[in-house]
Protein backbone atom coordinates (compact mmCIF):
# COMPACT_ATOMS: atom_id res chain seq x y z
CA MET A 1 136.03 107.29 50.41
CA SER A 2 137.00 103.89 49.08
CA MET A 3 140.57 102.64 48.93
CA ASN A 4 140.56 103.04 45.17
CA ASP A 5 139.70 106.70 45.56
CA SER A 6 142.45 107.42 48.08
CA PRO A 7 145.28 109.64 46.88
CA GLN A 8 148.53 108.03 45.80
CA ALA A 9 151.04 107.64 48.61
CA VAL A 10 153.64 110.40 48.67
CA PRO A 11 157.28 109.22 49.06
CA ALA A 12 158.81 110.06 52.42
CA ASP A 13 162.20 111.04 50.97
CA LEU A 14 161.10 114.06 48.93
CA VAL A 15 163.76 116.73 48.42
CA ARG A 16 164.11 119.73 46.14
CA VAL A 17 165.33 119.08 42.61
CA ARG A 18 168.63 120.89 43.18
CA GLU A 19 169.30 118.93 46.36
CA ALA A 20 168.59 115.63 44.61
CA ALA A 21 170.90 116.56 41.74
CA GLN A 22 173.74 117.48 44.10
CA ALA A 23 173.29 114.25 46.07
CA VAL A 24 173.95 112.10 43.00
CA GLY A 25 176.49 114.36 41.28
CA LEU A 26 174.22 115.60 38.49
CA THR A 27 172.99 119.01 37.41
CA ALA A 28 169.49 120.26 38.15
CA PRO A 29 168.62 120.46 34.40
CA ALA A 30 169.30 116.72 34.09
CA VAL A 31 166.76 115.96 36.82
CA HIS A 32 164.26 118.39 35.28
CA HIS A 33 164.67 116.52 31.98
CA TRP A 34 163.62 113.28 33.66
CA ILE A 35 160.55 115.04 35.06
CA LYS A 36 159.56 116.51 31.68
CA SER A 37 160.06 113.18 29.93
CA GLY A 38 157.83 111.41 32.46
CA ARG A 39 160.59 109.20 33.84
CA LEU A 40 160.52 110.88 37.26
CA ALA A 41 157.47 111.90 39.30
CA ALA A 42 157.52 115.31 40.99
CA GLN A 43 155.40 116.76 43.75
CA PRO A 44 154.58 120.50 43.82
CA SER A 45 155.47 122.53 46.89
CA PRO A 46 155.72 126.24 47.80
CA GLN A 47 159.52 125.97 47.46
CA GLY A 48 159.36 124.31 44.05
CA ARG A 49 158.97 120.77 42.82
CA ARG A 50 160.21 117.92 44.98
CA VAL A 51 161.30 114.46 43.92
CA SER A 52 162.09 111.17 45.60
CA LEU A 53 165.81 110.91 46.30
CA ALA A 54 165.67 107.12 45.95
CA ALA A 55 164.07 107.45 42.51
CA VAL A 56 166.74 109.93 41.40
CA ARG A 57 169.50 107.63 42.65
CA ALA A 58 168.02 104.75 40.64
CA LEU A 59 167.90 106.83 37.45
CA ALA A 60 171.39 108.20 38.03
CA ALA A 61 173.03 104.78 38.26
CA PRO A 62 176.16 105.21 36.12
CA LEU A 63 176.27 103.56 32.73
CA ASP A 64 180.04 103.26 32.94
CA ALA A 65 180.92 101.73 36.30
CA HIS A 66 184.61 102.47 35.75
CA GLY A 67 184.13 106.21 35.23
CA PRO A 68 185.57 108.56 37.89
CA ALA A 69 183.25 110.29 40.35
CA ASP A 70 184.35 113.75 39.17
CA ALA A 71 183.50 113.19 35.48
CA VAL A 72 181.12 115.83 34.10
CA ALA A 73 179.29 116.57 30.86
CA ILE A 74 181.18 118.49 28.18
CA TYR A 75 179.17 121.68 28.70
CA GLU A 76 180.15 121.63 32.38
CA ALA A 77 183.83 121.26 31.44
CA VAL A 78 183.49 124.21 29.06
CA ARG A 79 181.95 126.32 31.83
CA HIS A 80 184.68 125.50 34.34
CA THR A 81 187.70 125.79 32.04
CA ASP A 82 186.78 128.27 29.26
CA VAL A 83 188.01 125.68 26.73
CA THR A 84 185.72 125.48 23.72
CA ARG A 85 183.53 122.45 23.12
CA ARG A 86 185.17 121.98 19.74
CA ASN A 87 188.64 121.67 21.33
CA ILE A 88 187.37 119.21 23.92
CA GLU A 89 185.73 117.02 21.28
CA THR A 90 188.87 117.19 19.12
CA TRP A 91 191.03 116.03 22.02
CA MET A 92 188.61 113.18 22.63
CA THR A 93 188.74 112.14 18.96
CA GLN A 94 192.54 112.25 19.03
CA GLY A 95 192.58 110.04 22.11
CA ARG A 96 194.32 112.71 24.19
CA LEU A 97 191.38 113.29 26.53
CA PRO A 98 189.92 110.33 28.47
CA SER A 99 186.12 110.16 28.31
CA TRP A 100 183.35 107.96 29.63
CA ARG A 101 179.87 107.15 28.39
CA GLY A 102 177.28 109.10 30.36
CA ARG A 103 173.51 108.96 30.30
CA TYR A 104 173.28 112.05 28.08
CA GLY A 105 176.58 111.91 26.25
CA PRO A 106 180.33 111.77 26.89
CA LEU A 107 181.77 112.65 30.30
CA VAL A 108 185.22 114.13 30.93
CA ARG A 109 187.22 115.34 33.92
CA VAL A 110 187.72 119.09 34.36
CA ALA A 111 191.27 118.44 35.61
CA ASP A 112 192.14 116.59 32.38
CA VAL A 113 190.75 119.38 30.20
CA GLN A 114 192.62 122.01 32.22
CA ALA A 115 195.85 120.03 31.95
CA LEU A 116 195.58 119.78 28.15
CA ALA A 117 194.84 123.51 27.91
CA GLN A 118 197.97 124.26 29.94
CA GLN A 119 200.05 121.90 27.80
CA ARG A 120 198.83 123.69 24.68
CA ALA A 121 199.80 127.08 26.12
CA MET A 122 203.24 125.81 27.16
CA ALA A 123 203.84 124.21 23.76
CA ALA A 124 202.97 127.48 22.05
CA ALA A 125 205.37 129.35 24.33
CA ALA A 126 208.17 126.81 23.75
CA ALA A 127 207.70 127.06 19.98
CA GLY A 128 207.96 130.82 20.17
CA GLU A 129 204.40 131.31 19.00
CA SER A 130 202.69 134.53 19.98
CA ALA A 131 199.46 133.13 21.34
CA PRO A 132 196.85 135.90 21.64
CA MET A 133 196.58 137.25 25.15
CA PRO A 134 193.14 136.52 26.65
CA PRO A 135 191.05 139.56 27.62
CA ASP A 136 190.99 138.52 31.29
CA ALA A 137 194.79 138.32 31.63
CA LEU A 138 196.17 140.19 34.65
CA SER A 139 199.59 141.15 35.87
CA VAL A 140 201.12 138.72 38.33
CA ARG A 141 200.87 141.43 41.00
CA ASP A 142 197.10 141.87 40.45
CA ALA A 143 196.47 138.11 40.23
CA ALA A 144 198.34 137.60 43.51
CA ARG A 145 196.37 140.37 45.21
CA LEU A 146 192.98 139.09 44.03
CA SER A 147 193.74 135.45 44.82
CA GLY A 148 195.39 136.09 48.19
CA LEU A 149 198.54 134.24 47.09
CA SER A 150 202.07 135.52 47.01
CA ARG A 151 203.69 136.70 43.80
CA GLU A 152 206.55 134.30 44.53
CA ARG A 153 204.11 131.37 44.45
CA LEU A 154 202.67 132.47 41.09
CA TYR A 155 206.11 133.02 39.57
CA LEU A 156 207.13 129.54 40.77
CA TRP A 157 204.09 128.01 39.08
CA THR A 158 204.91 129.77 35.80
CA LYS A 159 208.51 128.49 35.95
CA GLN A 160 207.27 124.96 36.64
CA GLY A 161 204.95 125.19 33.63
CA LEU A 162 201.85 124.74 35.79
CA LEU A 163 200.44 128.21 35.15
CA PRO A 164 199.93 129.47 31.58
CA VAL A 165 201.63 132.83 31.07
CA TRP A 166 201.63 135.50 28.37
CA ARG A 167 204.15 138.23 27.66
CA ALA A 168 202.75 141.75 27.79
CA PRO A 169 203.69 144.05 24.86
CA GLY A 170 205.35 146.48 27.25
CA GLY A 171 207.12 143.76 29.20
CA GLY A 172 206.10 141.67 32.18
CA GLN A 173 204.05 138.52 32.53
CA ARG A 174 200.30 138.13 32.42
CA VAL A 175 198.24 135.28 33.88
CA ARG A 176 194.55 134.46 34.22
CA LEU A 177 192.92 134.56 37.64
CA VAL A 178 190.82 131.48 36.82
CA ASP A 179 194.01 129.45 36.18
CA VAL A 180 195.49 130.65 39.47
CA THR A 181 192.28 129.73 41.30
CA VAL A 182 192.19 126.21 39.83
CA LEU A 183 195.77 125.50 40.92
CA ALA A 184 195.17 126.96 44.40
CA GLU A 185 192.02 124.86 44.86
CA ARG A 186 193.80 121.66 43.82
CA GLN A 187 196.67 122.39 46.19
CA GLY A 188 194.26 123.24 49.03
CA ARG A 189 192.47 119.92 48.55
CA GLY A 190 195.78 118.04 48.71
CA LEU A 191 195.57 116.98 45.06
CA PRO A 192 198.56 116.79 42.71
CA LEU A 193 198.85 119.91 40.58
CA ASN A 194 199.62 117.78 37.54
CA PRO A 195 197.18 115.03 36.48
CA GLY A 196 198.31 111.62 37.63
CA GLY A 197 200.61 113.11 40.23
CA ALA A 198 203.40 113.86 37.77
CA PRO A 199 206.05 116.17 39.30
């Protein structure tokens, strides 16, 4: 076999698509898009296609060098916060939500979206508006039991305005487990509960 007929050299840093995506802070669909568009070579394997980690890192070089490391695409923010895409885009247009230019569209921080959603809920409560109770709202007792936190902690968060709360028709407060989980995760990671470290 001549040198011209020899197979193309296989990169030594091949990893699975999901692993490559996680290494650079992207989603697996974004890497698959590069493969389908011909921008990224992939090697078949019994465990799925593999790609060069160095090649993925080169393609994933941020377009906005000043963007934070935890900025995500809008659809990811929707998935993590349950805030609609329309609301997120409206906040961006109004200048209330910081955004950065990503390779496939605007990027935002989940923490910023969550903070604006909480501010909206608190503003509605302060104005005396009867915001519709979400279908996944739980009693504080049930939310505390499912999250492993104390009811006192949850009540404190509602008083501080950190945790959105709804009034049940028969009395009592209702909260969403996802909101409780977000606050608990931020506290566990040593992050300020309010964006920017505001008290």
